[in-house]
Structure formats: C-alpha cells, structure tokens
C-alpha cells in the first residue's frame, strides 16, 4: 500500500484480524515521510457475491444499496447513519455465515436484514418490511 501523503511504499507495523467483520486492521508506517496511519482490509463482496433477483437475473452485491435501505428504515433515530453502518456489518456477517455459494437470493438478504432490524428496532423493521416485503418460504 502507498502512503496517502507522499505516495511512497509503506511497511506494516501491526496487524490484527477482526473475525466478526472478516477484515484485517493494519497499522502502517511510511519510511519516506514518517507518517503513521491505519488501514482496514476486507473482501470486496461486489466481486464475490451475485444477487439473484426475483426476475431471475444476477447482479453484483451492493453493500451501499443495503446500507441505504437500512438507513431509510432507521431515519427516525438520532444516530441513524452510525446505527445503519453497524447493522449492515451485522447483516453481511450473517449472510457470510449462512451462505456457502457465490449466489445470494434477494429474499435471503431481505429476510436477514428484517431479522437484524427486528432485534434492534421494531419500528425500523416495520418500515423496512413496508418497502421490502418478506416472501414466504415454500
């Protein structure tokens, strides 16, 4: 990785895995300008997962799209952005644990998001479900 200040190569000084989020936190040091900064590395789910829509088409997983739908459901909360960020991380973590293939059904994403929201904020879950109805499993 290059230094964000001088664009020189950096060295990793410290590294710690974050298992729940499937990420690695790294402390980096630039020997050129002396700057020290942190980086977080994680999988790019948009290249790993494909979402199968109700029409049967496949699209890349978009974490930002999930964030926006969760944020809209939590707009009534004082710290909606922080809450939505944490909840999306929880939803992605649960999807990662549940799913063993590269294809996610949109109904599984909706169901997982609703369940996480229900555990966090009932009003938010109701709002989410109004715009993302749950499909009954056969």
C-alpha atoms as a PDB file:
ATOM      1  CA  UNK A   1       0.000   0.000   0.000  1.00  0.00           C
ATOM      2  CA  UNK A   2       1.192   3.513  -0.697  1.00  0.00           C
ATOM      3  CA  UNK A   3       1.286   6.429   1.737  1.00  0.00           C
ATOM      4  CA  UNK A   4      -1.740   8.750   1.354  1.00  0.00           C
ATOM      5  CA  UNK A   5       0.549  11.752   1.992  1.00  0.00           C
ATOM      6  CA  UNK A   6       3.608  11.180  -0.207  1.00  0.00           C
ATOM      7  CA  UNK A   7       2.660   8.083  -2.299  1.00  0.00           C
ATOM      8  CA  UNK A   8       5.733   6.114  -1.165  1.00  0.00           C
ATOM      9  CA  UNK A   9       5.566   2.442  -0.154  1.00  0.00           C
ATOM     10  CA  UNK A  10       4.619   1.704   3.444  1.00  0.00           C
ATOM     11  CA  UNK A  11       5.535  -1.003   5.948  1.00  0.00           C
ATOM     12  CA  UNK A  12       3.070  -2.885   8.152  1.00  0.00           C
ATOM     13  CA  UNK A  13       3.914  -2.240  11.811  1.00  0.00           C
ATOM     14  CA  UNK A  14       0.974  -4.041  13.441  1.00  0.00           C
ATOM     15  CA  UNK A  15      -1.835  -6.254  12.158  1.00  0.00           C
ATOM     16  CA  UNK A  16      -4.960  -7.628  13.839  1.00  0.00           C
ATOM     17  CA  UNK A  17      -7.772  -9.735  12.392  1.00  0.00           C
ATOM     18  CA  UNK A  18     -11.365  -8.688  13.025  1.00  0.00           C
ATOM     19  CA  UNK A  19     -13.134 -12.021  12.735  1.00  0.00           C
ATOM     20  CA  UNK A  20     -16.736 -10.803  13.094  1.00  0.00           C
ATOM     21  CA  UNK A  21     -16.358  -8.395  10.181  1.00  0.00           C
ATOM     22  CA  UNK A  22     -13.989 -10.616   8.180  1.00  0.00           C
ATOM     23  CA  UNK A  23     -11.466  -7.773   7.985  1.00  0.00           C
ATOM     24  CA  UNK A  24      -7.849  -7.089   8.908  1.00  0.00           C
ATOM     25  CA  UNK A  25      -6.807  -3.891  10.664  1.00  0.00           C
ATOM     26  CA  UNK A  26      -3.245  -2.800   9.911  1.00  0.00           C
ATOM     27  CA  UNK A  27      -1.053  -0.024  11.316  1.00  0.00           C
ATOM     28  CA  UNK A  28       1.247   1.250   8.573  1.00  0.00           C
ATOM     29  CA  UNK A  29       4.341   3.456   8.629  1.00  0.00           C
ATOM     30  CA  UNK A  30       5.880   5.391   5.753  1.00  0.00           C
ATOM     31  CA  UNK A  31       9.674   5.401   5.875  1.00  0.00           C
ATOM     32  CA  UNK A  32       9.787   8.278   3.383  1.00  0.00           C
ATOM     33  CA  UNK A  33       7.727  10.955   5.208  1.00  0.00           C
ATOM     34  CA  UNK A  34       7.367   9.281   8.619  1.00  0.00           C
ATOM     35  CA  UNK A  35       3.556   9.220   8.592  1.00  0.00           C
ATOM     36  CA  UNK A  36       1.724   6.516  10.526  1.00  0.00           C
ATOM     37  CA  UNK A  37      -1.848   5.563   9.617  1.00  0.00           C
ATOM     38  CA  UNK A  38      -4.309   2.679   9.826  1.00  0.00           C
ATOM     39  CA  UNK A  39      -5.925   0.676   7.070  1.00  0.00           C
ATOM     40  CA  UNK A  40      -8.749  -1.829   7.089  1.00  0.00           C
ATOM     41  CA  UNK A  41      -8.731  -4.584   4.520  1.00  0.00           C
ATOM     42  CA  UNK A  42     -11.711  -6.768   3.746  1.00  0.00           C
ATOM     43  CA  UNK A  43     -13.256  -8.707   0.915  1.00  0.00           C
ATOM     44  CA  UNK A  44     -14.918  -6.855  -1.933  1.00  0.00           C
ATOM     45  CA  UNK A  45     -18.296  -8.578  -1.778  1.00  0.00           C
ATOM     46  CA  UNK A  46     -19.385  -6.967  -5.035  1.00  0.00           C
ATOM     47  CA  UNK A  47     -16.850  -9.193  -6.811  1.00  0.00           C
ATOM     48  CA  UNK A  48     -17.536 -12.287  -4.681  1.00  0.00           C
ATOM     49  CA  UNK A  49     -21.326 -12.440  -4.406  1.00  0.00           C
ATOM     50  CA  UNK A  50     -24.038 -12.239  -7.045  1.00  0.00           C
ATOM     51  CA  UNK A  51     -27.630 -11.468  -6.082  1.00  0.00           C
ATOM     52  CA  UNK A  52     -30.379 -13.425  -7.793  1.00  0.00           C
ATOM     53  CA  UNK A  53     -33.336 -11.090  -8.203  1.00  0.00           C
ATOM     54  CA  UNK A  54     -36.993 -12.081  -8.215  1.00  0.00           C
ATOM     55  CA  UNK A  55     -36.882 -11.963 -12.032  1.00  0.00           C
ATOM     56  CA  UNK A  56     -34.000 -14.466 -12.046  1.00  0.00           C
ATOM     57  CA  UNK A  57     -31.273 -12.082 -13.189  1.00  0.00           C
ATOM     58  CA  UNK A  58     -27.898 -11.906 -11.472  1.00  0.00           C
ATOM     59  CA  UNK A  59     -26.430  -8.630 -10.243  1.00  0.00           C
ATOM     60  CA  UNK A  60     -23.368  -7.807  -8.135  1.00  0.00           C
ATOM     61  CA  UNK A  61     -23.972  -7.490  -4.386  1.00  0.00           C
ATOM     62  CA  UNK A  62     -24.089  -3.805  -3.466  1.00  0.00           C
ATOM     63  CA  UNK A  63     -23.369  -3.113   0.186  1.00  0.00           C
ATOM     64  CA  UNK A  64     -24.221   0.559  -0.377  1.00  0.00           C
ATOM     65  CA  UNK A  65     -27.686  -0.363  -1.625  1.00  0.00           C
ATOM     66  CA  UNK A  66     -28.255  -2.454   1.504  1.00  0.00           C
ATOM     67  CA  UNK A  67     -26.986   0.438   3.632  1.00  0.00           C
ATOM     68  CA  UNK A  68     -29.417   2.885   2.027  1.00  0.00           C
ATOM     69  CA  UNK A  69     -32.416   0.632   2.592  1.00  0.00           C
ATOM     70  CA  UNK A  70     -31.462   0.064   6.249  1.00  0.00           C
ATOM     71  CA  UNK A  71     -30.731   3.765   6.728  1.00  0.00           C
ATOM     72  CA  UNK A  72     -34.147   4.723   5.310  1.00  0.00           C
ATOM     73  CA  UNK A  73     -35.767   2.363   7.818  1.00  0.00           C
ATOM     74  CA  UNK A  74     -33.829   3.999  10.679  1.00  0.00           C
ATOM     75  CA  UNK A  75     -34.204   7.658   9.691  1.00  0.00           C
ATOM     76  CA  UNK A  76     -36.331   8.255  12.779  1.00  0.00           C
ATOM     77  CA  UNK A  77     -33.331   7.521  15.043  1.00  0.00           C
ATOM     78  CA  UNK A  78     -30.927  10.206  16.231  1.00  0.00           C
ATOM     79  CA  UNK A  79     -27.792   8.341  15.082  1.00  0.00           C
ATOM     80  CA  UNK A  80     -29.266   6.667  12.014  1.00  0.00           C
ATOM     81  CA  UNK A  81     -26.043   6.657   9.975  1.00  0.00           C
ATOM     82  CA  UNK A  82     -23.980   5.010  12.726  1.00  0.00           C
ATOM     83  CA  UNK A  83     -26.749   2.541  13.505  1.00  0.00           C
ATOM     84  CA  UNK A  84     -27.227   1.625   9.846  1.00  0.00           C
ATOM     85  CA  UNK A  85     -23.475   1.161   9.348  1.00  0.00           C
ATOM     86  CA  UNK A  86     -23.239  -1.235  12.292  1.00  0.00           C
ATOM     87  CA  UNK A  87     -26.377  -3.129  11.289  1.00  0.00           C
ATOM     88  CA  UNK A  88     -25.206  -3.581   7.692  1.00  0.00           C
ATOM     89  CA  UNK A  89     -21.938  -5.031   9.010  1.00  0.00           C
ATOM     90  CA  UNK A  90     -24.010  -7.443  11.130  1.00  0.00           C
ATOM     91  CA  UNK A  91     -26.225  -8.365   8.168  1.00  0.00           C
ATOM     92  CA  UNK A  92     -23.229  -9.018   5.903  1.00  0.00           C
ATOM     93  CA  UNK A  93     -21.585 -11.077   8.647  1.00  0.00           C
ATOM     94  CA  UNK A  94     -24.719 -13.218   8.991  1.00  0.00           C
ATOM     95  CA  UNK A  95     -25.015 -13.605   5.226  1.00  0.00           C
ATOM     96  CA  UNK A  96     -21.381 -14.706   5.094  1.00  0.00           C
ATOM     97  CA  UNK A  97     -22.028 -17.337   7.783  1.00  0.00           C
ATOM     98  CA  UNK A  98     -25.275 -18.591   6.198  1.00  0.00           C
ATOM     99  CA  UNK A  99     -24.183 -18.646   2.574  1.00  0.00           C
ATOM    100  CA  UNK A 100     -21.705 -21.116   1.121  1.00  0.00           C
ATOM    101  CA  UNK A 101     -22.160 -20.233  -2.534  1.00  0.00           C
ATOM    102  CA  UNK A 102     -21.455 -17.185  -4.652  1.00  0.00           C
ATOM    103  CA  UNK A 103     -25.155 -16.588  -5.335  1.00  0.00           C
ATOM    104  CA  UNK A 104     -27.467 -14.930  -2.795  1.00  0.00           C
ATOM    105  CA  UNK A 105     -31.214 -14.938  -3.198  1.00  0.00           C
ATOM    106  CA  UNK A 106     -32.656 -11.452  -2.724  1.00  0.00           C
ATOM    107  CA  UNK A 107     -35.249 -12.983  -0.377  1.00  0.00           C
ATOM    108  CA  UNK A 108     -32.460 -14.243   1.933  1.00  0.00           C
ATOM    109  CA  UNK A 109     -30.932 -10.765   2.084  1.00  0.00           C
ATOM    110  CA  UNK A 110     -34.327  -9.217   2.833  1.00  0.00           C
ATOM    111  CA  UNK A 111     -35.145 -11.824   5.465  1.00  0.00           C
ATOM    112  CA  UNK A 112     -31.761 -11.441   7.206  1.00  0.00           C
ATOM    113  CA  UNK A 113     -31.989  -7.645   7.159  1.00  0.00           C
ATOM    114  CA  UNK A 114     -35.502  -7.746   8.589  1.00  0.00           C
ATOM    115  CA  UNK A 115     -34.476 -10.134  11.366  1.00  0.00           C
ATOM    116  CA  UNK A 116     -31.496  -7.959  12.364  1.00  0.00           C
ATOM    117  CA  UNK A 117     -33.664  -4.831  12.300  1.00  0.00           C
ATOM    118  CA  UNK A 118     -36.373  -6.575  14.328  1.00  0.00           C
ATOM    119  CA  UNK A 119     -33.821  -7.364  17.041  1.00  0.00           C
ATOM    120  CA  UNK A 120     -32.575  -3.755  17.028  1.00  0.00           C
ATOM    121  CA  UNK A 121     -35.582  -1.511  16.374  1.00  0.00           C
ATOM    122  CA  UNK A 122     -39.132  -2.775  15.847  1.00  0.00           C
ATOM    123  CA  UNK A 123     -40.310   0.444  14.172  1.00  0.00           C
ATOM    124  CA  UNK A 124     -37.368   0.278  11.775  1.00  0.00           C
ATOM    125  CA  UNK A 125     -38.190  -3.341  10.958  1.00  0.00           C
ATOM    126  CA  UNK A 126     -41.814  -2.424  10.187  1.00  0.00           C
ATOM    127  CA  UNK A 127     -40.669   0.424   7.939  1.00  0.00           C
ATOM    128  CA  UNK A 128     -38.162  -1.862   6.174  1.00  0.00           C
ATOM    129  CA  UNK A 129     -40.802  -4.545   5.648  1.00  0.00           C
ATOM    130  CA  UNK A 130     -43.199  -1.996   4.129  1.00  0.00           C
ATOM    131  CA  UNK A 131     -40.736  -1.412   1.278  1.00  0.00           C
ATOM    132  CA  UNK A 132     -39.156  -4.889   1.209  1.00  0.00           C
ATOM    133  CA  UNK A 133     -41.945  -7.431   1.781  1.00  0.00           C
ATOM    134  CA  UNK A 134     -40.884 -10.817   3.085  1.00  0.00           C
ATOM    135  CA  UNK A 135     -41.507 -13.749   0.772  1.00  0.00           C
ATOM    136  CA  UNK A 136     -42.969 -16.845   2.359  1.00  0.00           C
ATOM    137  CA  UNK A 137     -40.700 -19.868   2.055  1.00  0.00           C
ATOM    138  CA  UNK A 138     -42.347 -22.959   0.435  1.00  0.00           C
END
